[in-house]
C-alpha atoms as a PDB file:
ATOM      1  CA  MET A   1     101.756  77.338 109.705  1.00  0.00           C
ATOM      2  CA  GLY A   2     102.416  77.308 113.424  1.00  0.00           C
ATOM      3  CA  LYS A   3     105.066  80.016 113.162  1.00  0.00           C
ATOM      4  CA  ILE A   4     102.680  82.253 111.207  1.00  0.00           C
ATOM      5  CA  VAL A   5     100.047  81.851 113.932  1.00  0.00           C
ATOM      6  CA  GLU A   6     102.664  82.711 116.582  1.00  0.00           C
ATOM      7  CA  ILE A   7     103.604  85.877 114.702  1.00  0.00           C
ATOM      8  CA  LEU A   8      99.958  86.876 114.297  1.00  0.00           C
ATOM      9  CA  LYS A   9      99.321  86.259 118.015  1.00  0.00           C
ATOM     10  CA  ASP A  10     102.268  88.506 118.856  1.00  0.00           C
ATOM     11  CA  ILE A  11     100.754  91.266 116.712  1.00  0.00           C
ATOM     12  CA  ARG A  12      97.140  90.846 117.874  1.00  0.00           C
ATOM     13  CA  PRO A  13      96.918  88.429 120.831  1.00  0.00           C
ATOM     14  CA  GLU A  14      93.181  88.986 121.280  1.00  0.00           C
ATOM     15  CA  CYS A  15      92.284  87.438 117.906  1.00  0.00           C
ATOM     16  CA  ASP A  16      91.363  83.805 117.225  1.00  0.00           C
ATOM     17  CA  TRP A  17      93.573  83.324 114.167  1.00  0.00           C
ATOM     18  CA  GLU A  18      92.962  79.603 113.719  1.00  0.00           C
ATOM     19  CA  HIS A  19      89.191  80.000 113.292  1.00  0.00           C
ATOM     20  CA  ALA A  20      88.873  83.365 111.538  1.00  0.00           C
ATOM     21  CA  ARG A  21      87.679  83.491 107.932  1.00  0.00           C
ATOM     22  CA  ASP A  22      88.895  86.820 106.525  1.00  0.00           C
ATOM     23  CA  PHE A  23      91.486  88.744 108.503  1.00  0.00           C
ATOM     24  CA  ILE A  24      91.072  91.952 106.499  1.00  0.00           C
ATOM     25  CA  ALA A  25      87.279  92.125 106.172  1.00  0.00           C
ATOM     26  CA  SER A  26      86.839  91.258 109.849  1.00  0.00           C
ATOM     27  CA  GLY A  27      89.214  94.059 110.881  1.00  0.00           C
ATOM     28  CA  MET A  28      91.683  91.690 112.525  1.00  0.00           C
ATOM     29  CA  LEU A  29      94.540  93.129 110.442  1.00  0.00           C
ATOM     30  CA  ASP A  30      94.934  96.716 109.353  1.00  0.00           C
ATOM     31  CA  SER A  31      97.583  98.258 107.099  1.00  0.00           C
ATOM     32  CA  PHE A  32     100.028  98.871 109.948  1.00  0.00           C
ATOM     33  CA  ASP A  33      99.618  95.268 111.142  1.00  0.00           C
ATOM     34  CA  ILE A  34     100.398  94.032 107.629  1.00  0.00           C
ATOM     35  CA  ILE A  35     103.657  96.008 107.533  1.00  0.00           C
ATOM     36  CA  VAL A  36     104.630  94.572 110.925  1.00  0.00           C
ATOM     37  CA  LEU A  37     103.624  91.089 109.743  1.00  0.00           C
ATOM     38  CA  VAL A  38     105.762  91.370 106.593  1.00  0.00           C
ATOM     39  CA  SER A  39     108.745  92.426 108.697  1.00  0.00           C
ATOM     40  CA  GLU A  40     108.213  89.516 111.091  1.00  0.00           C
ATOM     41  CA  LEU A  41     107.777  87.030 108.230  1.00  0.00           C
ATOM     42  CA  GLU A  42     111.024  88.231 106.664  1.00  0.00           C
ATOM     43  CA  SER A  43     112.764  87.698 110.017  1.00  0.00           C
ATOM     44  CA  ALA A  44     111.240  84.270 110.657  1.00  0.00           C
ATOM     45  CA  TYR A  45     111.633  82.831 107.146  1.00  0.00           C
ATOM     46  CA  PRO A  46     114.364  83.200 104.512  1.00  0.00           C
ATOM     47  CA  VAL A  47     112.127  85.412 102.358  1.00  0.00           C
ATOM     48  CA  SER A  48     111.906  88.911 100.995  1.00  0.00           C
ATOM     49  CA  VAL A  49     108.331  89.963 100.306  1.00  0.00           C
ATOM     50  CA  ASP A  50     108.090  92.122  97.205  1.00  0.00           C
ATOM     51  CA  GLY A  51     106.172  95.371  97.612  1.00  0.00           C
ATOM     52  CA  SER A  52     103.883  94.373  94.750  1.00  0.00           C
ATOM     53  CA  ASP A  53     102.773  91.380  96.856  1.00  0.00           C
ATOM     54  CA  ILE A  54     101.526  93.537  99.724  1.00  0.00           C
ATOM     55  CA  LEU A  55      97.887  93.159  98.735  1.00  0.00           C
ATOM     56  CA  ALA A  56      94.881  92.467 100.956  1.00  0.00           C
ATOM     57  CA  GLU A  57      94.225  89.097  99.327  1.00  0.00           C
ATOM     58  CA  ASN A  58      97.682  87.882 100.387  1.00  0.00           C
ATOM     59  CA  PHE A  59      96.865  88.528 104.054  1.00  0.00           C
ATOM     60  CA  SER A  60      93.232  87.461 104.321  1.00  0.00           C
ATOM     61  CA  SER A  61      93.803  83.993 105.829  1.00  0.00           C
ATOM     62  CA  LEU A  62      96.457  81.686 107.225  1.00  0.00           C
ATOM     63  CA  GLU A  63      96.565  79.856 103.899  1.00  0.00           C
ATOM     64  CA  SER A  64      97.015  83.042 101.858  1.00  0.00           C
ATOM     65  CA  ILE A  65      99.857  84.174 104.144  1.00  0.00           C
ATOM     66  CA  ALA A  66     101.496  80.730 103.895  1.00  0.00           C
ATOM     67  CA  ASP A  67     101.137  80.891 100.097  1.00  0.00           C
ATOM     68  CA  LEU A  68     102.842  84.296 100.110  1.00  0.00           C
ATOM     69  CA  VAL A  69     105.739  82.920 102.173  1.00  0.00           C
ATOM     70  CA  ARG A  70     106.079  79.973  99.771  1.00  0.00           C
ATOM     71  CA  LYS A  71     105.895  82.272  96.734  1.00  0.00           C
ATOM     72  CA  SER A  72     108.609  84.442  98.279  1.00  0.00           C
ATOM     73  CA  GLY A  73     110.901  81.442  98.634  1.00  0.00           C
ATOM     74  CA  GLY A  74     110.171  80.197 102.136  1.00  0.00           C
ATOM     75  CA  ILE A  75     109.057  76.841 103.452  1.00  0.00           C
ATOM     76  CA  VAL A  76     106.082  76.822 105.804  1.00  0.00           C
END
């Protein structure tokens, strides 16, 4: 999950990604950030995130983002 944390820190360096509980509810990620994150994930991993998977619950934590990458065919 180190690469995911690096990507998140590039998007929002002021946030403590390793200790946060809910990225969406806490306001750490907004809709624009999620689009940027998807683009960065697709560049960093051999995945293509389906539009139907761009849901808040898939971006609420490090684990949910890692699960999305795995579901999309990547290895975290």
